[in-house]
Amino acid sequence: MTKLAVIYYSATGHGTAMAKRLAQAGEAAGAEVRVRHIEETRDPETFAHNPAWTANYTATKDLPAATGEDIVWADAIIFGSPTRFGSPSAQFRNFLDGLGGLWAKGELADKVYAGFTSSQTAHGGQEATLLNLYVSLMHFGGILVPPGYTDPIKFADGNPYGVGHITGPDNQNELGEATLAALDHLATRVVGVAAKLAG
């Protein structure tokens, strides 16, 4: 059975919702799935004025947090981070930067990787964020499995690099049908390719 880890950072909860959907699709594709959030590094008082951020922090802070062991355990990993000026968030980068010991031992290599992200606007840097993520994964020696245009849904959501969600200026946009279908396709594709590589 393919082991899939969905590892993500989420501020206002959209990444959490996307991770849950990916996990459901991964399980439906026959994988054993771990969902792990990346811990918040900011003081909660600094975002207390943001109800969505506070609610997501409260809902996830006591759940299992991501560690390097989750990557070592997995055959395939789908990473997620909100877009911050065209790059993954500082919280996400902090997690990746802490993986140097595992990287040095080659324990991050030869695994299937893909990514998802969200931003407030349609041109908010989603593709740049995924490309920046993938540069790090190339340093890992990872096997990148983006969705490309391997399913008709990709002509609806329009992102061949991964899956992106537009949250809107007030972060109120829920996941639409095209985004949900794109998440399903990404998880199914990642699990399927990982299974083929395992022989």
N, C-alpha and C. Protein backbone atom coordinates (compact mmCIF):
# COMPACT_ATOMS: atom_id res chain seq x y z
N MET A 1 0.84 -1.20 0.00
CA MET A 1 0.00 0.00 0.00
C MET A 1 0.88 1.25 0.00
N THR A 2 0.58 2.18 -0.90
CA THR A 2 1.33 3.43 -0.97
C THR A 2 1.06 4.28 0.26
N LYS A 3 2.12 4.88 0.79
CA LYS A 3 2.01 5.75 1.95
C LYS A 3 2.09 7.20 1.48
N LEU A 4 1.03 7.96 1.74
CA LEU A 4 0.94 9.36 1.33
C LEU A 4 0.92 10.26 2.56
N ALA A 5 1.81 11.25 2.58
CA ALA A 5 1.79 12.28 3.61
C ALA A 5 1.34 13.60 3.00
N VAL A 6 0.34 14.22 3.59
CA VAL A 6 -0.10 15.55 3.19
C VAL A 6 0.37 16.49 4.29
N ILE A 7 1.35 17.32 3.96
CA ILE A 7 2.01 18.18 4.94
C ILE A 7 1.81 19.63 4.51
N TYR A 8 1.25 20.44 5.40
CA TYR A 8 0.84 21.77 4.96
C TYR A 8 0.93 22.78 6.11
N TYR A 9 1.04 24.05 5.72
CA TYR A 9 0.81 25.15 6.65
C TYR A 9 -0.42 25.90 6.17
N SER A 10 -1.28 26.26 7.10
CA SER A 10 -2.47 27.05 6.77
C SER A 10 -2.65 28.13 7.81
N ALA A 11 -2.98 29.32 7.36
CA ALA A 11 -3.28 30.41 8.29
C ALA A 11 -4.79 30.49 8.52
N THR A 12 -5.54 30.80 7.48
CA THR A 12 -6.97 31.07 7.65
C THR A 12 -7.87 29.87 7.37
N GLY A 13 -7.28 28.69 7.15
CA GLY A 13 -8.07 27.48 7.06
C GLY A 13 -8.29 26.90 5.69
N HIS A 14 -7.97 27.65 4.63
CA HIS A 14 -8.17 27.10 3.29
C HIS A 14 -7.22 25.94 3.03
N GLY A 15 -5.98 26.08 3.47
CA GLY A 15 -5.03 24.98 3.32
C GLY A 15 -5.44 23.75 4.10
N THR A 16 -6.03 23.96 5.26
CA THR A 16 -6.53 22.83 6.05
C THR A 16 -7.62 22.09 5.30
N ALA A 17 -8.55 22.85 4.71
CA ALA A 17 -9.63 22.22 3.94
C ALA A 17 -9.08 21.49 2.72
N MET A 18 -8.10 22.07 2.06
CA MET A 18 -7.50 21.43 0.89
C MET A 18 -6.78 20.15 1.29
N ALA A 19 -6.07 20.18 2.41
CA ALA A 19 -5.35 19.00 2.89
C ALA A 19 -6.32 17.86 3.22
N LYS A 20 -7.44 18.20 3.85
CA LYS A 20 -8.43 17.17 4.17
C LYS A 20 -8.99 16.53 2.91
N ARG A 21 -9.25 17.35 1.90
CA ARG A 21 -9.77 16.80 0.65
C ARG A 21 -8.74 15.90 -0.03
N LEU A 22 -7.49 16.31 -0.04
CA LEU A 22 -6.43 15.47 -0.60
C LEU A 22 -6.33 14.15 0.13
N ALA A 23 -6.46 14.18 1.44
CA ALA A 23 -6.39 12.95 2.23
C ALA A 23 -7.53 12.00 1.88
N GLN A 24 -8.73 12.55 1.74
CA GLN A 24 -9.87 11.72 1.36
C GLN A 24 -9.65 11.07 0.00
N ALA A 25 -9.16 11.86 -0.95
CA ALA A 25 -8.92 11.32 -2.29
C ALA A 25 -7.79 10.31 -2.29
N GLY A 26 -6.76 10.56 -1.49
CA GLY A 26 -5.67 9.60 -1.38
C GLY A 26 -6.13 8.27 -0.83
N GLU A 27 -6.96 8.32 0.20
CA GLU A 27 -7.50 7.08 0.77
C GLU A 27 -8.38 6.37 -0.24
N ALA A 28 -9.18 7.13 -0.99
CA ALA A 28 -10.03 6.52 -2.01
C ALA A 28 -9.21 5.85 -3.10
N ALA A 29 -7.99 6.37 -3.33
CA ALA A 29 -7.10 5.78 -4.33
C ALA A 29 -6.32 4.59 -3.78
N GLY A 30 -6.53 4.26 -2.50
CA GLY A 30 -5.92 3.08 -1.92
C GLY A 30 -4.69 3.32 -1.08
N ALA A 31 -4.40 4.59 -0.76
CA ALA A 31 -3.20 4.90 0.01
C ALA A 31 -3.48 4.91 1.51
N GLU A 32 -2.43 4.66 2.28
CA GLU A 32 -2.44 4.95 3.71
C GLU A 32 -1.99 6.39 3.85
N VAL A 33 -2.76 7.21 4.55
CA VAL A 33 -2.54 8.66 4.52
C VAL A 33 -2.27 9.21 5.91
N ARG A 34 -1.28 10.09 5.98
CA ARG A 34 -1.05 10.92 7.16
C ARG A 34 -1.28 12.37 6.76
N VAL A 35 -2.05 13.10 7.56
CA VAL A 35 -2.20 14.54 7.39
C VAL A 35 -1.50 15.22 8.56
N ARG A 36 -0.57 16.09 8.25
CA ARG A 36 0.20 16.77 9.29
C ARG A 36 0.27 18.27 8.99
N HIS A 37 -0.09 19.08 9.97
CA HIS A 37 0.03 20.53 9.81
C HIS A 37 1.40 20.99 10.29
N ILE A 38 1.87 22.06 9.70
CA ILE A 38 3.11 22.69 10.13
C ILE A 38 2.75 23.72 11.20
N GLU A 39 3.44 23.65 12.30
CA GLU A 39 3.07 24.47 13.46
C GLU A 39 3.21 25.96 13.19
N GLU A 40 2.31 26.71 13.79
CA GLU A 40 2.35 28.16 13.71
C GLU A 40 3.57 28.69 14.47
N THR A 41 4.28 29.61 13.85
CA THR A 41 5.46 30.20 14.50
C THR A 41 5.19 31.60 15.03
N ARG A 42 4.07 32.18 14.63
CA ARG A 42 3.75 33.52 15.11
C ARG A 42 3.01 33.45 16.44
N ASP A 43 3.17 34.47 17.24
CA ASP A 43 2.42 34.60 18.48
C ASP A 43 0.95 34.79 18.15
N PRO A 44 0.05 33.96 18.69
CA PRO A 44 -1.38 34.10 18.37
C PRO A 44 -1.94 35.50 18.62
N GLU A 45 -1.33 36.25 19.51
CA GLU A 45 -1.81 37.60 19.76
C GLU A 45 -1.64 38.50 18.54
N THR A 46 -0.68 38.16 17.68
CA THR A 46 -0.43 39.00 16.50
C THR A 46 -1.48 38.82 15.43
N PHE A 47 -2.27 37.74 15.51
CA PHE A 47 -3.35 37.58 14.54
C PHE A 47 -4.71 37.43 15.23
N ALA A 48 -4.80 37.88 16.47
CA ALA A 48 -6.06 37.77 17.22
C ALA A 48 -7.18 38.58 16.57
N HIS A 49 -6.82 39.60 15.79
CA HIS A 49 -7.82 40.42 15.10
C HIS A 49 -8.43 39.71 13.90
N ASN A 50 -7.86 38.56 13.51
CA ASN A 50 -8.31 37.82 12.32
C ASN A 50 -9.06 36.57 12.78
N PRO A 51 -10.40 36.59 12.73
CA PRO A 51 -11.17 35.45 13.25
C PRO A 51 -10.87 34.13 12.55
N ALA A 52 -10.68 34.16 11.23
CA ALA A 52 -10.43 32.92 10.49
C ALA A 52 -9.09 32.31 10.89
N TRP A 53 -8.08 33.14 11.01
CA TRP A 53 -6.74 32.67 11.40
C TRP A 53 -6.79 32.09 12.81
N THR A 54 -7.44 32.80 13.71
CA THR A 54 -7.56 32.33 15.09
C THR A 54 -8.33 31.02 15.16
N ALA A 55 -9.41 30.92 14.39
CA ALA A 55 -10.22 29.69 14.40
C ALA A 55 -9.43 28.50 13.88
N ASN A 56 -8.67 28.70 12.79
CA ASN A 56 -7.87 27.60 12.25
C ASN A 56 -6.76 27.20 13.21
N TYR A 57 -6.13 28.19 13.84
CA TYR A 57 -5.08 27.90 14.82
C TYR A 57 -5.65 27.08 15.98
N THR A 58 -6.80 27.48 16.48
CA THR A 58 -7.42 26.78 17.60
C THR A 58 -7.80 25.36 17.22
N ALA A 59 -8.31 25.19 15.99
CA ALA A 59 -8.78 23.88 15.54
C ALA A 59 -7.65 22.90 15.27
N THR A 60 -6.45 23.40 14.96
CA THR A 60 -5.37 22.51 14.53
C THR A 60 -4.19 22.42 15.49
N LYS A 61 -4.08 23.32 16.45
CA LYS A 61 -2.86 23.41 17.25
C LYS A 61 -2.57 22.15 18.07
N ASP A 62 -3.59 21.38 18.40
CA ASP A 62 -3.37 20.17 19.19
C ASP A 62 -3.34 18.89 18.35
N LEU A 63 -3.46 19.04 17.03
CA LEU A 63 -3.37 17.89 16.13
C LEU A 63 -1.90 17.55 15.89
N PRO A 64 -1.61 16.33 15.40
CA PRO A 64 -0.21 15.95 15.15
C PRO A 64 0.47 16.93 14.19
N ALA A 65 1.61 17.43 14.59
CA ALA A 65 2.37 18.38 13.77
C ALA A 65 3.38 17.65 12.91
N ALA A 66 3.69 18.23 11.77
CA ALA A 66 4.62 17.62 10.82
C ALA A 66 6.03 17.56 11.39
N THR A 67 6.70 16.45 11.11
CA THR A 67 8.13 16.29 11.41
C THR A 67 8.79 15.67 10.18
N GLY A 68 10.09 15.66 10.18
CA GLY A 68 10.81 15.02 9.09
C GLY A 68 10.51 13.54 8.99
N GLU A 69 10.16 12.92 10.11
CA GLU A 69 9.86 11.49 10.10
C GLU A 69 8.67 11.17 9.22
N ASP A 70 7.73 12.13 9.09
CA ASP A 70 6.57 11.90 8.23
C ASP A 70 6.99 11.79 6.77
N ILE A 71 8.02 12.52 6.38
CA ILE A 71 8.52 12.43 5.01
C ILE A 71 9.26 11.11 4.82
N VAL A 72 10.08 10.74 5.78
CA VAL A 72 10.80 9.47 5.71
C VAL A 72 9.82 8.31 5.59
N TRP A 73 8.73 8.36 6.34
CA TRP A 73 7.70 7.30 6.33
C TRP A 73 7.03 7.16 4.98
N ALA A 74 6.83 8.27 4.29
CA ALA A 74 5.98 8.31 3.10
C ALA A 74 6.70 7.87 1.83
N ASP A 75 5.90 7.33 0.91
CA ASP A 75 6.36 7.11 -0.47
C ASP A 75 6.10 8.36 -1.31
N ALA A 76 5.07 9.11 -0.94
CA ALA A 76 4.66 10.29 -1.68
C ALA A 76 4.26 11.37 -0.69
N ILE A 77 4.58 12.61 -1.04
CA ILE A 77 4.28 13.74 -0.18
C ILE A 77 3.66 14.84 -1.02
N ILE A 78 2.53 15.36 -0.54
CA ILE A 78 1.94 16.55 -1.14
C ILE A 78 2.06 17.68 -0.12
N PHE A 79 2.84 18.70 -0.49
CA PHE A 79 3.07 19.84 0.38
C PHE A 79 2.09 20.97 0.05
N GLY A 80 1.72 21.73 1.06
CA GLY A 80 0.85 22.88 0.84
C GLY A 80 1.26 24.08 1.66
N SER A 81 1.17 25.25 1.04
CA SER A 81 1.46 26.51 1.73
C SER A 81 0.69 27.63 1.06
N PRO A 82 0.23 28.61 1.82
CA PRO A 82 -0.31 29.81 1.18
C PRO A 82 0.80 30.57 0.46
N THR A 83 0.40 31.37 -0.49
CA THR A 83 1.35 32.19 -1.23
C THR A 83 1.69 33.44 -0.43
N ARG A 84 2.96 33.71 -0.29
CA ARG A 84 3.43 34.93 0.36
C ARG A 84 4.42 35.62 -0.58
N PHE A 85 3.93 36.61 -1.31
CA PHE A 85 4.78 37.36 -2.24
C PHE A 85 5.45 36.44 -3.25
N GLY A 86 4.72 35.44 -3.74
CA GLY A 86 5.25 34.54 -4.75
C GLY A 86 6.10 33.41 -4.22
N SER A 87 6.10 33.20 -2.92
CA SER A 87 6.89 32.13 -2.30
C SER A 87 6.05 31.45 -1.21
N PRO A 88 6.46 30.25 -0.78
CA PRO A 88 5.80 29.65 0.37
C PRO A 88 5.96 30.53 1.61
N SER A 89 5.08 30.34 2.57
CA SER A 89 5.10 31.14 3.79
C SER A 89 6.36 30.90 4.61
N ALA A 90 6.66 31.84 5.51
CA ALA A 90 7.82 31.70 6.39
C ALA A 90 7.70 30.46 7.27
N GLN A 91 6.48 30.16 7.72
CA GLN A 91 6.28 28.98 8.56
C GLN A 91 6.64 27.71 7.80
N PHE A 92 6.22 27.66 6.54
CA PHE A 92 6.52 26.50 5.70
C PHE A 92 8.01 26.41 5.42
N ARG A 93 8.62 27.55 5.09
CA ARG A 93 10.06 27.55 4.80
C ARG A 93 10.85 27.13 6.04
N ASN A 94 10.41 27.55 7.20
CA ASN A 94 11.09 27.17 8.44
C ASN A 94 11.10 25.65 8.60
N PHE A 95 9.97 25.02 8.26
CA PHE A 95 9.90 23.56 8.33
C PHE A 95 10.88 22.93 7.33
N LEU A 96 10.84 23.39 6.08
CA LEU A 96 11.75 22.83 5.07
C LEU A 96 13.21 23.03 5.46
N ASP A 97 13.52 24.21 5.98
CA ASP A 97 14.91 24.51 6.33
C ASP A 97 15.41 23.64 7.47
N GLY A 98 14.50 23.05 8.23
CA GLY A 98 14.89 22.18 9.31
C GLY A 98 15.15 20.74 8.90
N LEU A 99 15.06 20.47 7.60
CA LEU A 99 15.21 19.10 7.11
C LEU A 99 16.63 18.79 6.64
N GLY A 100 17.58 19.66 6.94
CA GLY A 100 18.94 19.49 6.43
C GLY A 100 19.59 18.17 6.81
N GLY A 101 19.35 17.72 8.03
CA GLY A 101 19.95 16.46 8.47
C GLY A 101 19.47 15.28 7.66
N LEU A 102 18.16 15.24 7.40
CA LEU A 102 17.59 14.15 6.59
C LEU A 102 18.06 14.26 5.15
N TRP A 103 18.15 15.49 4.64
CA TRP A 103 18.65 15.70 3.27
C TRP A 103 20.08 15.17 3.16
N ALA A 104 20.92 15.46 4.15
CA ALA A 104 22.32 15.04 4.10
C ALA A 104 22.46 13.53 4.08
N LYS A 105 21.51 12.84 4.67
CA LYS A 105 21.54 11.37 4.69
C LYS A 105 20.80 10.76 3.51
N GLY A 106 20.28 11.60 2.61
CA GLY A 106 19.59 11.09 1.43
C GLY A 106 18.20 10.54 1.70
N GLU A 107 17.63 10.87 2.85
CA GLU A 107 16.35 10.28 3.21
C GLU A 107 15.14 11.00 2.63
N LEU A 108 15.38 12.10 1.93
CA LEU A 108 14.29 12.83 1.28
C LEU A 108 14.21 12.53 -0.21
N ALA A 109 15.18 11.78 -0.71
CA ALA A 109 15.28 11.51 -2.15
C ALA A 109 14.39 10.35 -2.57
N ASP A 110 14.15 10.28 -3.88
CA ASP A 110 13.47 9.14 -4.51
C ASP A 110 12.05 8.96 -4.01
N LYS A 111 11.42 10.05 -3.63
CA LYS A 111 10.01 10.04 -3.25
C LYS A 111 9.24 10.93 -4.21
N VAL A 112 7.96 10.65 -4.35
CA VAL A 112 7.10 11.45 -5.22
C VAL A 112 6.62 12.68 -4.45
N TYR A 113 6.69 13.84 -5.10
CA TYR A 113 6.27 15.09 -4.47
C TYR A 113 5.34 15.88 -5.40
N ALA A 114 4.43 16.63 -4.80
CA ALA A 114 3.59 17.59 -5.52
C ALA A 114 3.20 18.68 -4.53
N GLY A 115 2.49 19.71 -5.01
CA GLY A 115 2.18 20.82 -4.13
C GLY A 115 0.84 21.47 -4.41
N PHE A 116 0.36 22.22 -3.40
CA PHE A 116 -0.85 23.02 -3.54
C PHE A 116 -0.66 24.33 -2.78
N THR A 117 -1.45 25.33 -3.15
CA THR A 117 -1.30 26.65 -2.56
C THR A 117 -2.61 27.42 -2.63
N SER A 118 -2.61 28.61 -2.06
CA SER A 118 -3.77 29.49 -2.14
C SER A 118 -3.28 30.93 -2.04
N SER A 119 -4.08 31.83 -2.60
CA SER A 119 -3.78 33.26 -2.54
C SER A 119 -5.09 34.02 -2.61
N GLN A 120 -5.04 35.29 -2.28
CA GLN A 120 -6.27 36.08 -2.28
C GLN A 120 -6.74 36.45 -3.68
N THR A 121 -5.82 36.52 -4.63
CA THR A 121 -6.17 36.98 -5.97
C THR A 121 -5.78 35.96 -7.03
N ALA A 122 -6.36 36.12 -8.21
CA ALA A 122 -6.11 35.17 -9.30
C ALA A 122 -4.66 35.21 -9.77
N HIS A 123 -4.03 36.33 -9.67
CA HIS A 123 -2.63 36.46 -10.09
C HIS A 123 -1.77 36.79 -8.87
N GLY A 124 -2.00 36.09 -7.80
CA GLY A 124 -1.35 36.37 -6.53
C GLY A 124 -0.06 35.64 -6.29
N GLY A 125 0.50 35.02 -7.33
CA GLY A 125 1.79 34.35 -7.18
C GLY A 125 1.73 32.86 -6.95
N GLN A 126 0.59 32.24 -7.26
CA GLN A 126 0.46 30.81 -7.01
C GLN A 126 1.47 29.98 -7.78
N GLU A 127 1.61 30.24 -9.07
CA GLU A 127 2.55 29.45 -9.87
C GLU A 127 3.98 29.65 -9.39
N ALA A 128 4.34 30.88 -9.05
CA ALA A 128 5.69 31.15 -8.54
C ALA A 128 5.92 30.42 -7.22
N THR A 129 4.91 30.37 -6.39
CA THR A 129 5.04 29.67 -5.11
C THR A 129 5.32 28.19 -5.33
N LEU A 130 4.56 27.57 -6.23
CA LEU A 130 4.78 26.15 -6.50
C LEU A 130 6.14 25.91 -7.13
N LEU A 131 6.55 26.78 -8.04
CA LEU A 131 7.87 26.62 -8.66
C LEU A 131 8.98 26.79 -7.62
N ASN A 132 8.84 27.75 -6.72
CA ASN A 132 9.83 27.91 -5.66
C ASN A 132 9.88 26.68 -4.76
N LEU A 133 8.71 26.12 -4.44
CA LEU A 133 8.67 24.88 -3.67
C LEU A 133 9.40 23.77 -4.41
N TYR A 134 9.14 23.65 -5.70
CA TYR A 134 9.71 22.54 -6.47
C TYR A 134 11.23 22.64 -6.60
N VAL A 135 11.77 23.86 -6.58
CA VAL A 135 13.23 23.99 -6.58
C VAL A 135 13.82 23.30 -5.36
N SER A 136 13.21 23.51 -4.20
CA SER A 136 13.69 22.83 -2.98
C SER A 136 13.57 21.33 -3.11
N LEU A 137 12.48 20.86 -3.70
CA LEU A 137 12.27 19.42 -3.83
C LEU A 137 13.25 18.80 -4.82
N MET A 138 13.70 19.58 -5.80
CA MET A 138 14.75 19.08 -6.68
C MET A 138 16.06 18.91 -5.91
N HIS A 139 16.32 19.80 -4.98
CA HIS A 139 17.50 19.64 -4.12
C HIS A 139 17.39 18.39 -3.26
N PHE A 140 16.17 18.02 -2.90
CA PHE A 140 15.96 16.78 -2.14
C PHE A 140 16.31 15.55 -2.97
N GLY A 141 16.26 15.67 -4.31
CA GLY A 141 16.33 14.49 -5.16
C GLY A 141 14.96 13.86 -5.32
N GLY A 142 13.93 14.70 -5.17
CA GLY A 142 12.56 14.22 -5.27
C GLY A 142 12.11 14.01 -6.70
N ILE A 143 11.05 13.25 -6.85
CA ILE A 143 10.43 12.98 -8.15
C ILE A 143 9.16 13.82 -8.22
N LEU A 144 9.18 14.87 -9.03
CA LEU A 144 8.05 15.78 -9.11
C LEU A 144 6.94 15.19 -9.97
N VAL A 145 5.73 15.21 -9.44
CA VAL A 145 4.57 14.70 -10.18
C VAL A 145 3.49 15.78 -10.18
N PRO A 146 3.65 16.81 -11.01
CA PRO A 146 2.61 17.82 -11.13
C PRO A 146 1.44 17.26 -11.94
N PRO A 147 0.28 17.88 -11.86
CA PRO A 147 -0.86 17.36 -12.61
C PRO A 147 -0.75 17.57 -14.11
N GLY A 148 -0.01 18.60 -14.53
CA GLY A 148 0.01 18.90 -15.96
C GLY A 148 -1.42 19.12 -16.44
N TYR A 149 -1.68 18.64 -17.65
CA TYR A 149 -3.05 18.66 -18.18
C TYR A 149 -3.48 17.23 -18.45
N THR A 150 -3.33 16.39 -17.43
CA THR A 150 -3.60 14.95 -17.56
C THR A 150 -5.04 14.59 -17.28
N ASP A 151 -5.87 15.59 -17.02
CA ASP A 151 -7.30 15.36 -16.79
C ASP A 151 -8.04 16.61 -17.26
N PRO A 152 -9.24 16.47 -17.81
CA PRO A 152 -9.98 17.65 -18.28
C PRO A 152 -10.19 18.72 -17.22
N ILE A 153 -10.20 18.35 -15.94
CA ILE A 153 -10.41 19.35 -14.89
C ILE A 153 -9.31 20.40 -14.90
N LYS A 154 -8.13 20.06 -15.41
CA LYS A 154 -7.05 21.03 -15.41
C LYS A 154 -7.31 22.18 -16.38
N PHE A 155 -8.23 21.98 -17.32
CA PHE A 155 -8.61 23.08 -18.20
C PHE A 155 -9.65 23.97 -17.54
N ALA A 156 -10.18 23.51 -16.41
CA ALA A 156 -11.11 24.33 -15.63
C ALA A 156 -10.38 25.12 -14.55
N ASP A 157 -9.50 24.44 -13.81
CA ASP A 157 -8.79 25.16 -12.75
C ASP A 157 -7.53 25.83 -13.28
N GLY A 158 -7.00 25.33 -14.39
CA GLY A 158 -5.97 26.05 -15.13
C GLY A 158 -4.57 26.05 -14.56
N ASN A 159 -4.26 25.16 -13.62
CA ASN A 159 -2.94 25.18 -13.00
C ASN A 159 -2.24 23.85 -13.24
N PRO A 160 -1.28 23.78 -14.18
CA PRO A 160 -0.58 22.53 -14.45
C PRO A 160 0.51 22.21 -13.43
N TYR A 161 0.81 23.14 -12.52
CA TYR A 161 1.92 22.96 -11.59
C TYR A 161 1.49 22.26 -10.30
N GLY A 162 0.23 22.38 -9.96
CA GLY A 162 -0.32 21.81 -8.73
C GLY A 162 -1.77 22.20 -8.65
N VAL A 163 -2.24 22.51 -7.45
CA VAL A 163 -3.60 23.02 -7.28
C VAL A 163 -3.52 24.34 -6.53
N GLY A 164 -4.26 25.33 -7.02
CA GLY A 164 -4.32 26.62 -6.37
C GLY A 164 -5.75 27.04 -6.10
N HIS A 165 -5.97 27.67 -4.97
CA HIS A 165 -7.30 28.17 -4.61
C HIS A 165 -7.23 29.67 -4.42
N ILE A 166 -8.22 30.39 -4.93
CA ILE A 166 -8.31 31.83 -4.76
C ILE A 166 -9.25 32.10 -3.59
N THR A 167 -8.71 32.65 -2.52
CA THR A 167 -9.49 32.83 -1.29
C THR A 167 -10.34 34.09 -1.30
N GLY A 168 -10.02 35.05 -2.19
CA GLY A 168 -10.73 36.32 -2.21
C GLY A 168 -10.10 37.32 -1.26
N PRO A 169 -10.40 38.60 -1.45
CA PRO A 169 -9.74 39.66 -0.66
C PRO A 169 -10.00 39.56 0.84
N ASP A 170 -11.11 38.94 1.22
CA ASP A 170 -11.41 38.78 2.65
C ASP A 170 -11.26 37.33 3.11
N ASN A 171 -10.61 36.51 2.28
CA ASN A 171 -10.39 35.10 2.61
C ASN A 171 -11.69 34.35 2.91
N GLN A 172 -12.73 34.68 2.16
CA GLN A 172 -14.04 34.09 2.43
C GLN A 172 -14.46 33.04 1.40
N ASN A 173 -13.71 32.89 0.31
CA ASN A 173 -14.12 31.97 -0.75
C ASN A 173 -13.91 30.51 -0.33
N GLU A 174 -14.99 29.74 -0.32
CA GLU A 174 -14.88 28.32 -0.04
C GLU A 174 -14.33 27.59 -1.27
N LEU A 175 -13.92 26.35 -1.09
CA LEU A 175 -13.40 25.57 -2.21
C LEU A 175 -14.53 25.27 -3.18
N GLY A 176 -14.33 25.64 -4.45
CA GLY A 176 -15.33 25.40 -5.48
C GLY A 176 -15.21 24.01 -6.07
N GLU A 177 -16.16 23.66 -6.91
CA GLU A 177 -16.19 22.31 -7.49
C GLU A 177 -14.95 22.03 -8.32
N ALA A 178 -14.48 23.02 -9.08
CA ALA A 178 -13.29 22.79 -9.90
C ALA A 178 -12.06 22.54 -9.03
N THR A 179 -11.94 23.30 -7.95
CA THR A 179 -10.80 23.11 -7.04
C THR A 179 -10.87 21.75 -6.36
N LEU A 180 -12.05 21.37 -5.91
CA LEU A 180 -12.21 20.06 -5.26
C LEU A 180 -11.85 18.93 -6.23
N ALA A 181 -12.32 19.05 -7.47
CA ALA A 181 -12.01 18.02 -8.46
C ALA A 181 -10.52 17.99 -8.78
N ALA A 182 -9.90 19.17 -8.83
CA ALA A 182 -8.45 19.23 -9.09
C ALA A 182 -7.66 18.61 -7.95
N LEU A 183 -8.10 18.82 -6.71
CA LEU A 183 -7.45 18.18 -5.57
C LEU A 183 -7.59 16.67 -5.63
N ASP A 184 -8.78 16.20 -5.99
CA ASP A 184 -9.00 14.76 -6.13
C ASP A 184 -8.05 14.17 -7.18
N HIS A 185 -7.96 14.87 -8.31
CA HIS A 185 -7.10 14.39 -9.39
C HIS A 185 -5.63 14.37 -8.96
N LEU A 186 -5.19 15.42 -8.27
CA LEU A 186 -3.79 15.47 -7.85
C LEU A 186 -3.45 14.31 -6.92
N ALA A 187 -4.29 14.07 -5.92
CA ALA A 187 -4.02 12.98 -4.98
C ALA A 187 -4.03 11.63 -5.69
N THR A 188 -5.00 11.43 -6.57
CA THR A 188 -5.10 10.16 -7.29
C THR A 188 -3.88 9.95 -8.18
N ARG A 189 -3.45 11.01 -8.85
CA ARG A 189 -2.29 10.91 -9.74
C ARG A 189 -1.02 10.64 -8.94
N VAL A 190 -0.82 11.34 -7.85
CA VAL A 190 0.38 11.16 -7.03
C VAL A 190 0.44 9.74 -6.48
N VAL A 191 -0.66 9.26 -5.95
CA VAL A 191 -0.70 7.89 -5.41
C VAL A 191 -0.46 6.88 -6.52
N GLY A 192 -1.07 7.09 -7.68
CA GLY A 192 -0.91 6.15 -8.78
C GLY A 192 0.51 6.08 -9.30
N VAL A 193 1.15 7.23 -9.45
CA VAL A 193 2.54 7.24 -9.93
C VAL A 193 3.47 6.61 -8.90
N ALA A 194 3.25 6.92 -7.63
CA ALA A 194 4.09 6.33 -6.58
C ALA A 194 3.95 4.81 -6.57
N ALA A 195 2.74 4.32 -6.78
CA ALA A 195 2.53 2.86 -6.82
C ALA A 195 3.24 2.23 -8.01
N LYS A 196 3.20 2.90 -9.16
CA LYS A 196 3.90 2.38 -10.34
C LYS A 196 5.41 2.33 -10.11
N LEU A 197 5.94 3.37 -9.49
CA LEU A 197 7.38 3.40 -9.24
C LEU A 197 7.81 2.32 -8.25
N ALA A 198 6.91 1.98 -7.34
CA ALA A 198 7.22 0.93 -6.36
C ALA A 198 7.17 -0.46 -6.98
N GLY A 199 6.60 -0.54 -8.18
CA GLY A 199 6.54 -1.82 -8.90
C GLY A 199 5.45 -2.71 -8.41
